Amino acid sequence: MFNSCALPSGAVRFFLIFAAAFAPFGAPASAQDAPAGKPSATVTIEQIQVAFIGSGSLGGGTLEYAGKSYPITVGGLGIGGIGASKLTASGAVYGLTKLSDFPGAYVQVRRGWAIAERGRGTMWLTNGNGVTMKLSATRQGLQTALGADGVLIEFK
């Protein structure tokens, strides 16, 4: 016999963010090239991350698009890790043609052209709407991480 039990809201939220973040990226690596052309916006992010087995983060920032500033919230969930750190990042946004394409679930780009820059403090994030961010990041504190991270960005 099966017993029915409700999942805690945190577990449900983790599953939904994780599923939304990774669902759009089933295409083969050759299907996605590095962004070309001029950036369409800039973004700054400040985030506190805490990890013990699972990891979570909360922060905010600003999107500069079409001459206007838009405050954003940044939340994320990861798999594995131990520690705490503060992440500060800023950079260019590519592929943003309308403001409504910016919010959503982002994942780290795991393509050869993006992985080569990770060791230099650069990370690439992309969402299912074709928006890609190239961020220069610095981290203060100590945190180990295992597995992939998903980031959820929304307007305040």
Protein backbone atom coordinates (compact mmCIF):
# COMPACT_ATOMS: atom_id res chain seq x y z
CA MET A 1 0.00 0.00 0.00
CA PHE A 2 1.11 3.53 -0.72
CA ASN A 3 0.91 6.29 1.85
CA SER A 4 0.19 9.75 0.55
CA CYS A 5 2.17 12.58 2.07
CA ALA A 6 2.50 16.24 1.18
CA LEU A 7 5.89 17.59 0.19
CA PRO A 8 7.10 20.58 2.17
CA SER A 9 6.63 23.85 0.29
CA GLY A 10 10.43 24.33 0.11
CA ALA A 11 10.83 21.00 -1.67
CA VAL A 12 8.04 21.83 -4.10
CA ARG A 13 9.59 25.23 -4.85
CA PHE A 14 13.00 23.58 -5.40
CA PHE A 15 11.52 21.05 -7.80
CA LEU A 16 9.61 23.69 -9.79
CA ILE A 17 12.61 26.00 -10.13
CA PHE A 18 14.91 23.10 -11.00
CA ALA A 19 12.48 21.70 -13.59
CA ALA A 20 11.80 25.11 -15.14
CA ALA A 21 15.48 25.95 -15.26
CA PHE A 22 16.60 22.79 -17.02
CA ALA A 23 13.63 21.95 -19.25
CA PRO A 24 14.46 24.35 -22.12
CA PHE A 25 18.05 23.14 -22.51
CA GLY A 26 17.70 19.73 -24.06
CA ALA A 27 19.19 20.93 -27.37
CA PRO A 28 22.59 19.60 -28.40
CA ALA A 29 25.64 21.74 -27.61
CA SER A 30 26.14 22.67 -31.27
CA ALA A 31 22.68 24.26 -31.39
CA GLN A 32 23.71 27.19 -29.19
CA ASP A 33 26.55 29.52 -30.17
CA ALA A 34 28.14 32.29 -28.14
CA PRO A 35 26.08 35.49 -28.27
CA ALA A 36 27.13 37.80 -31.09
CA GLY A 37 26.63 41.49 -31.54
CA LYS A 38 26.15 44.35 -29.18
CA PRO A 39 24.68 43.79 -25.69
CA SER A 40 21.04 44.87 -25.35
CA ALA A 41 21.25 45.70 -21.61
CA THR A 42 23.44 45.55 -18.51
CA VAL A 43 22.79 43.97 -15.13
CA THR A 44 24.25 44.10 -11.62
CA ILE A 45 23.56 41.42 -9.01
CA GLU A 46 24.41 41.01 -5.35
CA GLN A 47 23.53 37.69 -3.76
CA ILE A 48 24.05 35.87 -0.45
CA GLN A 49 24.45 32.10 -0.80
CA VAL A 50 24.22 29.50 1.96
CA ALA A 51 24.72 25.77 1.49
CA PHE A 52 24.51 22.62 3.58
CA ILE A 53 23.71 19.58 1.43
CA GLY A 54 21.19 21.66 -0.57
CA SER A 55 21.95 25.30 -1.29
CA GLY A 56 19.91 28.46 -1.54
CA SER A 57 20.50 32.11 -2.26
CA LEU A 58 18.70 35.41 -2.13
CA GLY A 59 19.61 38.79 -3.51
CA GLY A 60 18.76 41.56 -5.86
CA GLY A 61 20.11 43.91 -8.43
CA THR A 62 19.30 46.22 -11.30
CA LEU A 63 18.63 45.72 -15.00
CA GLU A 64 19.52 48.72 -17.19
CA TYR A 65 17.47 48.43 -20.40
CA ALA A 66 16.42 51.01 -23.00
CA GLY A 67 17.59 53.91 -20.83
CA LYS A 68 15.65 52.81 -17.74
CA SER A 69 16.54 51.01 -14.49
CA TYR A 70 14.49 48.05 -13.30
CA PRO A 71 15.02 46.58 -9.80
CA ILE A 72 15.15 42.78 -9.76
CA THR A 73 15.12 40.01 -7.19
CA VAL A 74 17.46 37.07 -7.57
CA GLY A 75 16.84 33.72 -5.89
CA GLY A 76 18.44 30.43 -6.57
CA LEU A 77 18.70 26.84 -5.60
CA GLY A 78 21.49 24.38 -6.08
CA ILE A 79 22.34 20.80 -5.43
CA GLY A 80 24.94 20.11 -2.79
CA GLY A 81 27.61 22.20 -1.19
CA ILE A 82 28.70 23.48 2.21
CA GLY A 83 29.46 27.03 3.35
CA ALA A 84 28.35 30.63 2.93
CA SER A 85 29.42 33.37 0.53
CA LYS A 86 28.49 36.71 -0.99
CA LEU A 87 28.45 36.98 -4.78
CA THR A 88 28.72 40.31 -6.58
CA ALA A 89 28.35 40.24 -10.37
CA SER A 90 27.83 42.66 -13.23
CA GLY A 91 27.85 42.39 -16.97
CA ALA A 92 26.19 42.43 -20.35
CA VAL A 93 22.80 41.05 -21.37
CA TYR A 94 22.36 39.63 -24.90
CA GLY A 95 19.24 38.68 -26.81
CA LEU A 96 16.85 40.89 -24.83
CA THR A 97 14.39 42.30 -27.37
CA LYS A 98 11.48 42.92 -25.00
CA LEU A 99 11.44 43.49 -21.26
CA SER A 100 9.10 40.57 -20.58
CA ASP A 101 11.77 38.10 -21.82
CA PHE A 102 14.15 38.96 -18.96
CA PRO A 103 12.51 37.44 -15.85
CA GLY A 104 12.54 33.69 -15.44
CA ALA A 105 14.72 30.71 -14.64
CA TYR A 106 18.38 30.89 -15.69
CA VAL A 107 21.02 28.17 -15.73
CA GLN A 108 24.75 28.28 -16.24
CA VAL A 109 25.76 27.80 -19.86
CA ARG A 110 27.81 24.63 -20.10
CA ARG A 111 29.29 25.00 -23.57
CA GLY A 112 32.98 25.01 -24.50
CA TRP A 113 33.06 28.75 -25.18
CA ALA A 114 31.54 29.52 -21.77
CA ILE A 115 33.44 26.94 -19.68
CA ALA A 116 36.76 28.35 -20.88
CA GLU A 117 35.99 31.67 -19.15
CA ARG A 118 34.74 30.26 -15.80
CA GLY A 119 38.24 30.11 -14.34
CA ARG A 120 38.64 33.85 -14.94
CA GLY A 121 35.61 34.80 -12.80
CA THR A 122 33.22 34.99 -15.75
CA MET A 123 29.96 33.09 -15.82
CA TRP A 124 27.32 32.84 -18.52
CA LEU A 125 23.64 32.39 -17.63
CA THR A 126 20.80 31.79 -20.08
CA ASN A 127 17.02 31.44 -19.90
CA GLY A 128 14.37 29.76 -22.06
CA ASN A 129 13.54 33.07 -23.83
CA GLY A 130 16.97 33.33 -25.47
CA VAL A 131 18.33 35.92 -23.03
CA THR A 132 21.98 35.35 -22.09
CA MET A 133 24.04 37.19 -19.46
CA LYS A 134 27.83 37.39 -19.37
CA LEU A 135 28.71 38.24 -15.77
CA SER A 136 32.03 39.11 -14.16
CA ALA A 137 31.70 37.79 -10.63
CA THR A 138 33.58 38.01 -7.37
CA ARG A 139 32.83 35.84 -4.36
CA GLN A 140 33.64 36.53 -0.71
CA GLY A 141 33.51 33.71 1.80
CA LEU A 142 33.97 30.00 1.45
CA GLN A 143 31.55 27.64 -0.23
CA THR A 144 31.91 24.36 -2.04
CA ALA A 145 29.32 23.44 -4.63
CA LEU A 146 28.29 20.16 -6.20
CA GLY A 147 26.09 19.87 -9.26
CA ALA A 148 24.22 22.54 -11.20
CA ASP A 149 22.59 25.74 -10.01
CA GLY A 150 19.41 27.38 -11.14
CA VAL A 151 18.68 31.10 -10.65
CA LEU A 152 15.23 32.65 -10.64
CA ILE A 153 15.09 36.35 -11.59
CA GLU A 154 11.95 38.46 -11.20
CA PHE A 155 11.10 42.16 -11.26
CA LYS A 156 10.39 43.76 -7.86
